[in-house]
């Protein structure tokens, strides 16, 4: 049985996904170590440093070896790292070629490169899910382009917006994350083969050529110089996950608040029993959003740890490196969970348009006081128009009347707008949506990779 939410039978699919767990499982990690060792042997055979038949034997052994995990765990606890114990098992499996295993490499070469291979696989999952989410949000923005609702600032109704506008704002963030991920890959996907102090002294003059071939074997970028203690690429990958989950946490917060009984503007998809209470039969809690918010908070802590872990001492760190062993897999698992919940929740989001319209009327027209003020300003002057509308708002708040009715009794306002009908038209929130629709169109065009209209 598991002891954390990541390996718990009860919670693991709430804080991760099976697909992402497979990337970071022990078996997958050891498999990456073996993949790196085999790639090193093949590269060195291409350089003429390792006999070709020895490299072939090492490669075959790396694919067919049956790992003794109990022995590997026990020896890892003694050594402090898994590579030396693993090299012993691989060398034995390779027979006479075993003497060429791990030639000129150091433990961190293998572990760093294996981690980069894991990150590449994990980021491919994240990129796919982000693109799926982009499509879902684009559909929401398009469908609800002109659906008016209350825009809120400081938790109070401010001005009308549309739900499509809100979804397009979410979409724009996801678009930027996709762009960030694509731009970050060349900085993150670096191979590492540099030897004990990073100088390749163990392999001599041909070391950089050997490093080039090693990176080619794994389809990774060759670094400008050793990055054993320059951890910005690894930290960037987790920081990127912090940005992604931060956006998902913002979306989750909006959905949770809009799902509150007092708002009632959206509901998460209905699944029998999901979000149910053990004592209150009426409850339908926004579970997906809650998990998305929890993931954002947890990944944020890992971002801080990774930034702290960048501070390595000299040419090999005495501890900060180990932080990555904790933060890297957990951050990807939490991000995968958050993306999966976002896709499920937003694809099936129930939008209550009538309740959005009803909520717009809660302030009896006060939400569009600015609309009346700006319409009257050309004739009355902005400040005078502001003062007159402000006085009408005060009367509406104190007396509970409709703003349009109060303004209709102010001759200067009627004259400035031209008629009582014009006052009522300006007091309709649906007529004061600004450029919400055009902004949605622009965001959709940019998201689709098309030139945006100006």
Protein backbone atom coordinates (compact mmCIF):
# COMPACT_ATOMS: atom_id res chain seq x y z
CA UNK A 1 0.00 0.00 0.00
CA UNK A 2 1.15 3.53 -0.71
CA UNK A 3 2.14 6.08 1.89
CA UNK A 4 1.70 9.32 -0.10
CA UNK A 5 -1.03 10.63 -2.37
CA UNK A 6 1.20 9.85 -5.35
CA UNK A 7 1.35 6.10 -4.75
CA UNK A 8 -1.85 5.70 -2.71
CA UNK A 9 -4.45 3.32 -4.09
CA UNK A 10 -7.07 5.79 -2.85
CA UNK A 11 -5.65 9.10 -4.02
CA UNK A 12 -3.11 8.53 -6.78
CA UNK A 13 -5.49 9.29 -9.66
CA UNK A 14 -6.59 12.51 -7.94
CA UNK A 15 -3.00 13.78 -7.70
CA UNK A 16 -1.56 12.29 -10.86
CA UNK A 17 -2.40 10.17 -13.88
CA UNK A 18 -1.42 6.64 -14.81
CA UNK A 19 0.22 7.97 -17.96
CA UNK A 20 2.47 10.38 -16.07
CA UNK A 21 3.23 7.85 -13.33
CA UNK A 22 4.49 5.51 -16.03
CA UNK A 23 7.02 8.17 -17.09
CA UNK A 24 8.41 8.51 -13.56
CA UNK A 25 8.10 4.96 -12.24
CA UNK A 26 11.17 3.16 -10.89
CA UNK A 27 11.09 0.80 -13.85
CA UNK A 28 10.95 3.71 -16.30
CA UNK A 29 13.76 5.56 -14.54
CA UNK A 30 16.05 2.53 -14.48
CA UNK A 31 15.11 1.96 -18.11
CA UNK A 32 16.28 5.50 -18.90
CA UNK A 33 19.57 4.89 -17.07
CA UNK A 34 20.11 1.80 -19.20
CA UNK A 35 19.12 3.69 -22.35
CA UNK A 36 21.73 6.34 -21.58
CA UNK A 37 24.46 3.78 -20.83
CA UNK A 38 23.72 2.00 -24.11
CA UNK A 39 23.73 5.29 -26.06
CA UNK A 40 27.10 6.15 -24.53
CA UNK A 41 28.55 2.81 -25.62
CA UNK A 42 27.19 3.25 -29.16
CA UNK A 43 28.62 6.78 -29.40
CA UNK A 44 31.98 5.60 -28.17
CA UNK A 45 31.97 2.78 -30.70
CA UNK A 46 31.38 5.36 -33.42
CA UNK A 47 34.47 7.18 -32.12
CA UNK A 48 36.50 3.99 -32.10
CA UNK A 49 37.01 4.13 -28.34
CA UNK A 50 34.85 1.08 -27.57
CA UNK A 51 34.86 -2.01 -29.83
CA UNK A 52 31.72 -2.20 -31.95
CA UNK A 53 30.93 -5.72 -30.81
CA UNK A 54 31.28 -4.61 -27.17
CA UNK A 55 28.89 -1.69 -27.76
CA UNK A 56 26.43 -4.04 -29.45
CA UNK A 57 26.64 -6.42 -26.49
CA UNK A 58 26.06 -3.59 -24.02
CA UNK A 59 23.12 -2.35 -26.08
CA UNK A 60 21.57 -5.83 -26.18
CA UNK A 61 22.13 -6.33 -22.46
CA UNK A 62 20.51 -2.96 -21.67
CA UNK A 63 17.33 -4.14 -23.39
CA UNK A 64 17.21 -7.70 -22.06
CA UNK A 65 18.59 -7.42 -18.54
CA UNK A 66 16.38 -8.50 -15.65
CA UNK A 67 17.12 -6.08 -12.85
CA UNK A 68 17.43 -7.38 -9.29
CA UNK A 69 15.56 -4.48 -7.69
CA UNK A 70 16.05 -5.66 -4.12
CA UNK A 71 19.81 -5.73 -4.65
CA UNK A 72 19.71 -2.41 -6.50
CA UNK A 73 17.73 -0.76 -3.70
CA UNK A 74 20.00 -2.12 -0.98
CA UNK A 75 23.20 -1.03 -2.74
CA UNK A 76 21.69 2.36 -3.64
CA UNK A 77 21.04 3.01 0.03
CA UNK A 78 24.69 2.21 0.76
CA UNK A 79 26.25 4.17 -2.11
CA UNK A 80 23.74 7.02 -2.06
CA UNK A 81 23.14 6.81 -5.82
CA UNK A 82 21.76 4.04 -8.04
CA UNK A 83 24.23 4.20 -10.96
CA UNK A 84 27.22 2.28 -9.57
CA UNK A 85 25.03 -0.64 -8.43
CA UNK A 86 23.23 -0.59 -11.78
CA UNK A 87 26.52 -0.54 -13.70
CA UNK A 88 27.55 -3.69 -11.81
CA UNK A 89 24.40 -5.50 -12.95
CA UNK A 90 24.66 -4.22 -16.54
CA UNK A 91 28.35 -5.11 -16.80
CA UNK A 92 27.59 -8.63 -15.61
CA UNK A 93 24.75 -8.95 -18.12
CA UNK A 94 27.04 -7.73 -20.94
CA UNK A 95 29.57 -10.50 -20.32
CA UNK A 96 33.02 -9.86 -21.78
CA UNK A 97 31.88 -6.41 -22.94
CA UNK A 98 31.09 -5.42 -19.36
CA UNK A 99 34.46 -3.72 -18.94
CA UNK A 100 33.38 -1.01 -21.39
CA UNK A 101 30.15 -0.09 -19.59
CA UNK A 102 30.06 3.51 -18.27
CA UNK A 103 33.38 4.33 -19.99
CA UNK A 104 34.61 7.78 -18.94
CA UNK A 105 31.26 8.77 -17.43
CA UNK A 106 30.27 9.85 -13.95
CA UNK A 107 27.09 9.08 -12.04
CA UNK A 108 25.55 12.49 -12.62
CA UNK A 109 26.08 12.22 -16.39
CA UNK A 110 23.78 9.22 -16.46
CA UNK A 111 21.23 10.50 -13.96
CA UNK A 112 20.97 13.98 -15.46
CA UNK A 113 20.55 12.68 -18.99
CA UNK A 114 18.00 10.10 -17.86
CA UNK A 115 16.04 12.83 -16.10
CA UNK A 116 16.08 14.92 -19.27
CA UNK A 117 14.66 11.95 -21.20
CA UNK A 118 11.91 11.69 -18.59
CA UNK A 119 11.23 15.42 -18.83
CA UNK A 120 10.98 15.18 -22.62
CA UNK A 121 8.38 12.42 -22.37
CA UNK A 122 6.52 14.25 -19.62
CA UNK A 123 6.48 17.59 -21.43
CA UNK A 124 5.09 15.86 -24.52
CA UNK A 125 2.10 14.81 -22.39
CA UNK A 126 1.77 18.31 -20.96
CA UNK A 127 1.97 19.87 -24.44
CA UNK A 128 -0.72 17.53 -25.77
CA UNK A 129 -3.03 18.31 -22.86
CA UNK A 130 -2.46 22.04 -23.22
CA UNK A 131 -3.42 21.85 -26.88
CA UNK A 132 -6.52 19.82 -26.01
CA UNK A 133 -7.42 22.42 -23.41
CA UNK A 134 -6.88 25.20 -25.93
CA UNK A 135 -9.50 23.64 -28.17
CA UNK A 136 -11.98 23.28 -25.30
CA UNK A 137 -11.54 26.90 -24.21
CA UNK A 138 -11.77 28.16 -27.78
CA UNK A 139 -15.11 26.38 -28.12
CA UNK A 140 -16.37 27.99 -24.90
CA UNK A 141 -15.20 31.44 -25.98
CA UNK A 142 -16.84 31.05 -29.36
CA UNK A 143 -20.12 29.65 -28.03
CA UNK A 144 -20.56 32.26 -25.31
CA UNK A 145 -19.04 35.20 -27.17
CA UNK A 146 -22.13 37.34 -26.61
CA UNK A 147 -23.49 35.89 -23.37
CA UNK A 148 -23.57 38.80 -20.92
CA UNK A 149 -22.61 38.36 -17.29
CA UNK A 150 -21.37 40.50 -14.45
CA UNK A 151 -17.70 41.35 -14.50
CA UNK A 152 -16.43 41.54 -10.94
CA UNK A 153 -13.58 43.43 -9.31
CA UNK A 154 -12.77 43.11 -5.61
CA UNK A 155 -15.59 40.52 -5.46
CA UNK A 156 -18.17 43.16 -6.38
CA UNK A 157 -20.03 43.69 -9.63
CA UNK A 158 -18.10 46.19 -11.72
CA UNK A 159 -19.09 46.25 -15.41
CA UNK A 160 -20.76 43.75 -17.73
CA UNK A 161 -18.58 41.33 -19.69
CA UNK A 162 -19.45 38.14 -21.55
CA UNK A 163 -18.72 34.60 -20.49
CA UNK A 164 -16.98 34.15 -23.83
CA UNK A 165 -14.68 37.03 -22.91
CA UNK A 166 -13.82 35.31 -19.62
CA UNK A 167 -13.10 32.03 -21.42
CA UNK A 168 -10.96 33.86 -23.98
CA UNK A 169 -8.87 35.37 -21.19
CA UNK A 170 -8.28 31.84 -19.87
CA UNK A 171 -7.47 30.72 -23.42
CA UNK A 172 -4.86 33.43 -23.92
CA UNK A 173 -2.92 32.18 -20.90
CA UNK A 174 -2.93 28.61 -22.21
CA UNK A 175 -1.69 29.87 -25.59
CA UNK A 176 1.23 31.59 -23.89
CA UNK A 177 2.08 28.44 -21.95
CA UNK A 178 2.20 26.45 -25.19
CA UNK A 179 4.54 29.09 -26.61
CA UNK A 180 6.69 29.03 -23.47
CA UNK A 181 6.97 25.26 -23.58
CA UNK A 182 8.02 25.22 -27.23
CA UNK A 183 10.60 27.94 -26.60
CA UNK A 184 11.97 26.21 -23.49
CA UNK A 185 12.66 22.81 -25.04
CA UNK A 186 16.08 23.69 -26.55
CA UNK A 187 17.19 25.01 -23.16
CA UNK A 188 15.90 22.01 -21.22
CA UNK A 189 16.60 19.03 -23.47
CA UNK A 190 20.37 18.92 -23.06
CA UNK A 191 22.43 15.77 -22.88
CA UNK A 192 25.10 15.44 -20.19
CA UNK A 193 28.39 13.57 -20.61
CA UNK A 194 31.33 15.32 -19.04
CA UNK A 195 33.03 13.10 -16.47
CA UNK A 196 33.89 13.56 -12.81
CA UNK A 197 34.55 17.30 -12.69
CA UNK A 198 32.90 18.07 -16.01
CA UNK A 199 36.10 18.48 -18.03
CA UNK A 200 35.99 15.17 -19.97
CA UNK A 201 39.53 14.51 -18.78
CA UNK A 202 38.75 10.78 -18.62
CA UNK A 203 38.35 10.47 -22.40
CA UNK A 204 40.97 12.91 -23.68
CA UNK A 205 41.07 15.06 -26.80
CA UNK A 206 38.14 13.44 -28.55
CA UNK A 207 35.77 14.10 -25.67
CA UNK A 208 33.68 16.82 -27.27
CA UNK A 209 33.23 14.80 -30.46
CA UNK A 210 32.19 11.86 -28.29
CA UNK A 211 29.75 14.13 -26.45
CA UNK A 212 28.29 15.25 -29.77
CA UNK A 213 27.66 11.67 -30.88
CA UNK A 214 26.25 10.76 -27.47
CA UNK A 215 23.67 13.56 -27.72
CA UNK A 216 22.88 12.54 -31.30
CA UNK A 217 22.17 8.98 -30.16
CA UNK A 218 19.53 10.29 -27.75
CA UNK A 219 18.28 13.13 -29.99
CA UNK A 220 19.21 15.71 -27.35
CA UNK A 221 20.93 19.07 -27.73
CA UNK A 222 24.62 19.27 -26.95
CA UNK A 223 25.27 21.79 -24.17
CA UNK A 224 27.71 24.67 -24.60
CA UNK A 225 29.55 23.44 -21.51
CA UNK A 226 28.96 21.05 -18.64
CA UNK A 227 25.79 21.75 -16.62
CA UNK A 228 26.36 19.51 -13.59
CA UNK A 229 26.01 22.52 -11.32
CA UNK A 230 24.10 24.87 -13.66
CA UNK A 231 20.56 23.69 -13.00
CA UNK A 232 18.57 26.42 -14.71
CA UNK A 233 17.20 24.07 -17.38
CA UNK A 234 15.78 21.61 -14.86
CA UNK A 235 14.48 24.47 -12.71
CA UNK A 236 12.87 26.05 -15.78
CA UNK A 237 10.89 22.89 -16.46
CA UNK A 238 9.34 22.94 -12.98
CA UNK A 239 8.85 26.70 -13.06
CA UNK A 240 6.96 26.26 -16.31
CA UNK A 241 4.73 23.73 -14.55
CA UNK A 242 4.19 26.29 -11.80
CA UNK A 243 2.97 28.81 -14.37
CA UNK A 244 0.68 26.27 -16.01
CA UNK A 245 -0.87 25.08 -12.76
CA UNK A 246 -1.14 28.69 -11.61
CA UNK A 247 -3.34 29.47 -14.60
CA UNK A 248 -5.39 26.33 -13.99
CA UNK A 249 -5.75 27.36 -10.35
CA UNK A 250 -7.10 30.74 -11.45
CA UNK A 251 -9.63 29.06 -13.74
CA UNK A 252 -10.58 26.70 -10.93
CA UNK A 253 -11.10 29.58 -8.52
CA UNK A 254 -13.39 31.38 -10.98
CA UNK A 255 -15.42 28.22 -11.58
CA UNK A 256 -15.70 27.40 -7.88
CA UNK A 257 -16.94 30.88 -7.01
CA UNK A 258 -19.31 30.99 -9.96
CA UNK A 259 -20.65 27.60 -8.80
CA UNK A 260 -21.56 28.94 -5.36
CA UNK A 261 -25.29 28.89 -4.63
CA UNK A 262 -25.35 32.67 -4.43
CA UNK A 263 -23.90 32.94 -7.94
CA UNK A 264 -25.18 29.77 -9.63
CA UNK A 265 -23.69 30.74 -12.99
CA UNK A 266 -21.88 27.49 -13.84
CA UNK A 267 -21.75 23.89 -12.66
CA UNK A 268 -19.13 21.23 -13.11
CA UNK A 269 -20.22 18.24 -15.24
CA UNK A 270 -22.69 15.95 -13.52
CA UNK A 271 -21.43 12.48 -12.70
CA UNK A 272 -23.54 10.41 -10.29
CA UNK A 273 -21.95 10.63 -6.85
CA UNK A 274 -19.19 13.05 -7.81
CA UNK A 275 -18.89 15.88 -5.31
CA UNK A 276 -21.50 14.31 -3.06
CA UNK A 277 -21.68 14.91 0.67
CA UNK A 278 -21.94 12.11 3.21
CA UNK A 279 -24.67 14.01 5.04
CA UNK A 280 -26.17 16.64 2.68
CA UNK A 281 -27.93 15.01 -0.29
CA UNK A 282 -28.21 18.29 -2.21
CA UNK A 283 -24.46 18.90 -2.45
CA UNK A 284 -22.62 18.91 -5.78
CA UNK A 285 -19.15 20.08 -4.86
CA UNK A 286 -16.73 21.35 -7.55
CA UNK A 287 -14.21 18.55 -7.00
CA UNK A 288 -12.22 19.00 -10.22
CA UNK A 289 -11.69 22.68 -9.49
CA UNK A 290 -10.68 21.91 -5.93
CA UNK A 291 -8.03 19.46 -7.11
CA UNK A 292 -6.77 21.97 -9.68
CA UNK A 293 -6.36 24.60 -6.97
CA UNK A 294 -4.59 22.14 -4.65
CA UNK A 295 -2.19 21.21 -7.47
CA UNK A 296 -1.35 24.87 -8.10
CA UNK A 297 -0.48 25.40 -4.45
CA UNK A 298 1.61 22.22 -4.24
CA UNK A 299 3.56 22.85 -7.46
CA UNK A 300 4.28 26.39 -6.29
CA UNK A 301 6.16 24.92 -3.33
CA UNK A 302 8.19 22.71 -5.66
CA UNK A 303 9.09 25.73 -7.79
CA UNK A 304 10.52 27.38 -4.69
CA UNK A 305 12.46 24.22 -3.86
CA UNK A 306 13.88 23.99 -7.38
CA UNK A 307 14.97 27.62 -7.35
CA UNK A 308 16.66 27.03 -4.02
CA UNK A 309 18.22 23.89 -5.44
CA UNK A 310 19.93 25.89 -8.19
CA UNK A 311 22.49 27.08 -5.69
CA UNK A 312 25.11 24.34 -6.08
CA UNK A 313 28.57 24.44 -4.62
CA UNK A 314 31.67 24.23 -6.80
CA UNK A 315 31.77 21.45 -9.47
CA UNK A 316 29.53 18.94 -7.71
CA UNK A 317 26.83 19.79 -5.21
CA UNK A 318 26.64 18.42 -1.67
CA UNK A 319 22.87 18.15 -1.44
CA UNK A 320 20.80 20.59 -3.54
CA UNK A 321 20.75 18.09 -6.41
CA UNK A 322 18.70 15.69 -4.32
CA UNK A 323 15.82 18.18 -4.18
CA UNK A 324 15.21 17.47 -7.86
CA UNK A 325 14.59 13.81 -7.10
CA UNK A 326 11.59 14.88 -5.01
CA UNK A 327 10.26 17.90 -6.86
CA UNK A 328 10.61 16.82 -10.47
CA UNK A 329 8.29 13.77 -10.52
CA UNK A 330 5.80 15.22 -8.04
CA UNK A 331 5.47 18.46 -10.03
CA UNK A 332 4.76 16.58 -13.25
CA UNK A 333 2.25 14.28 -11.57
CA UNK A 334 0.37 17.21 -10.03
CA UNK A 335 0.39 19.08 -13.35
CA UNK A 336 -0.92 16.04 -15.21
CA UNK A 337 -3.72 15.71 -12.67
CA UNK A 338 -4.61 19.39 -12.94
CA UNK A 339 -4.69 19.29 -16.74
CA UNK A 340 -6.81 16.13 -16.74
CA UNK A 341 -9.28 17.70 -14.33
CA UNK A 342 -9.36 20.92 -16.36
CA UNK A 343 -10.09 19.07 -19.58
CA UNK A 344 -12.89 17.05 -17.95
CA UNK A 345 -14.41 19.99 -16.12
CA UNK A 346 -14.30 22.58 -18.90
CA UNK A 347 -15.38 20.18 -21.66
CA UNK A 348 -18.55 19.41 -19.73
CA UNK A 349 -19.06 22.75 -17.98
CA UNK A 350 -22.73 23.62 -17.56
CA UNK A 351 -23.28 27.33 -18.18
CA UNK A 352 -26.44 28.85 -16.70
CA UNK A 353 -27.04 31.81 -18.99
CA UNK A 354 -30.33 32.83 -17.41
CA UNK A 355 -28.74 33.00 -13.98
CA UNK A 356 -25.95 35.15 -15.40
CA UNK A 357 -28.57 37.55 -16.74
CA UNK A 358 -30.47 37.51 -13.47
CA UNK A 359 -27.31 38.34 -11.54
CA UNK A 360 -26.72 41.30 -13.84
CA UNK A 361 -30.00 42.75 -12.57
CA UNK A 362 -29.12 42.39 -8.88
CA UNK A 363 -27.89 45.97 -8.63
CA UNK A 364 -30.99 47.40 -10.33
CA UNK A 365 -28.90 48.95 -13.08
CA UNK A 366 -25.99 50.24 -10.98
CA UNK A 367 -23.57 48.01 -12.88
CA UNK A 368 -24.00 50.23 -15.94
CA UNK A 369 -23.83 53.60 -14.19
CA UNK A 370 -20.62 54.26 -16.09
CA UNK A 371 -22.47 53.75 -19.37
CA UNK A 372 -24.95 56.50 -18.56
CA UNK A 373 -22.21 58.81 -17.28
CA UNK A 374 -20.10 58.43 -20.41
CA UNK A 375 -23.15 58.90 -22.67
CA UNK A 376 -24.09 62.14 -20.88
CA UNK A 377 -20.53 63.45 -20.60
CA UNK A 378 -20.24 64.96 -24.10
CA UNK A 379 -23.08 67.38 -23.32
CA UNK A 380 -22.74 67.83 -19.54
CA UNK A 381 -19.01 67.42 -19.12
CA UNK A 382 -17.54 64.32 -17.55
CA UNK A 383 -17.37 65.53 -13.95
CA UNK A 384 -20.86 67.01 -13.90
CA UNK A 385 -22.27 63.88 -15.52
CA UNK A 386 -20.42 61.79 -12.94
CA UNK A 387 -21.86 63.82 -10.05
CA UNK A 388 -25.42 63.57 -11.34
CA UNK A 389 -25.23 59.83 -11.98
CA UNK A 390 -23.49 59.34 -8.63
CA UNK A 391 -26.40 61.10 -6.89
CA UNK A 392 -28.89 58.88 -8.76
CA UNK A 393 -26.93 55.77 -7.73
CA UNK A 394 -27.02 56.87 -4.09
CA UNK A 395 -30.80 57.24 -4.29
CA UNK A 396 -31.11 53.80 -5.90
CA UNK A 397 -28.98 52.22 -3.20
CA UNK A 398 -30.82 53.92 -0.34
CA UNK A 399 -34.32 53.62 -1.78
CA UNK A 400 -33.99 50.36 -3.67
CA UNK A 401 -35.33 51.72 -6.94
CA UNK A 402 -34.22 51.05 -10.48
CA UNK A 403 -31.46 53.35 -11.67
CA UNK A 404 -33.20 53.87 -15.02
CA UNK A 405 -36.37 55.06 -13.29
CA UNK A 406 -34.48 57.51 -11.11
CA UNK A 407 -32.47 58.86 -14.05
CA UNK A 408 -35.68 59.25 -16.07
CA UNK A 409 -36.74 61.80 -13.46
CA UNK A 410 -33.63 63.95 -13.94
CA UNK A 411 -34.34 66.42 -16.78
CA UNK A 412 -30.66 67.17 -17.45
CA UNK A 413 -29.91 63.48 -17.98
CA UNK A 414 -32.96 63.01 -20.19
CA UNK A 415 -31.93 66.02 -22.26
CA UNK A 416 -28.30 64.90 -22.47
CA UNK A 417 -29.23 61.41 -23.68
CA UNK A 418 -32.16 62.58 -25.84
CA UNK A 419 -35.01 60.56 -24.35
CA UNK A 420 -36.12 58.27 -21.55
CA UNK A 421 -35.89 55.37 -24.00
CA UNK A 422 -32.22 56.20 -24.50
CA UNK A 423 -31.70 56.11 -20.73
CA UNK A 424 -33.28 52.65 -20.55
CA UNK A 425 -31.17 51.48 -23.47
CA UNK A 426 -27.97 52.64 -21.73
CA UNK A 427 -29.12 50.98 -18.50
CA UNK A 428 -29.37 47.57 -20.17
CA UNK A 429 -26.15 45.68 -19.28
CA UNK A 430 -26.26 43.81 -22.58
CA UNK A 431 -25.70 47.14 -24.34
CA UNK A 432 -22.52 47.94 -22.44
CA UNK A 433 -20.18 45.08 -23.17
CA UNK A 434 -17.41 47.21 -24.57
CA UNK A 435 -15.26 45.36 -27.08
CA UNK A 436 -15.77 41.97 -25.42
CA UNK A 437 -16.92 40.35 -28.65
CA UNK A 438 -14.11 41.81 -30.74
CA UNK A 439 -11.58 40.79 -28.12
CA UNK A 440 -12.91 37.24 -28.19
CA UNK A 441 -12.59 37.18 -31.97
CA UNK A 442 -9.04 38.48 -31.76
CA UNK A 443 -8.03 35.93 -29.12
CA UNK A 444 -9.52 33.12 -31.19
CA UNK A 445 -7.69 34.25 -34.31
CA UNK A 446 -4.37 34.46 -32.51
CA UNK A 447 -4.95 31.12 -30.84
CA UNK A 448 -5.61 29.55 -34.23
CA UNK A 449 -2.39 31.04 -35.59
CA UNK A 450 -4.15 33.49 -37.88
CA UNK A 451 -3.38 37.22 -38.27
CA UNK A 452 -5.51 39.14 -35.81
CA UNK A 453 -7.71 41.98 -36.96
CA UNK A 454 -6.87 45.35 -35.43
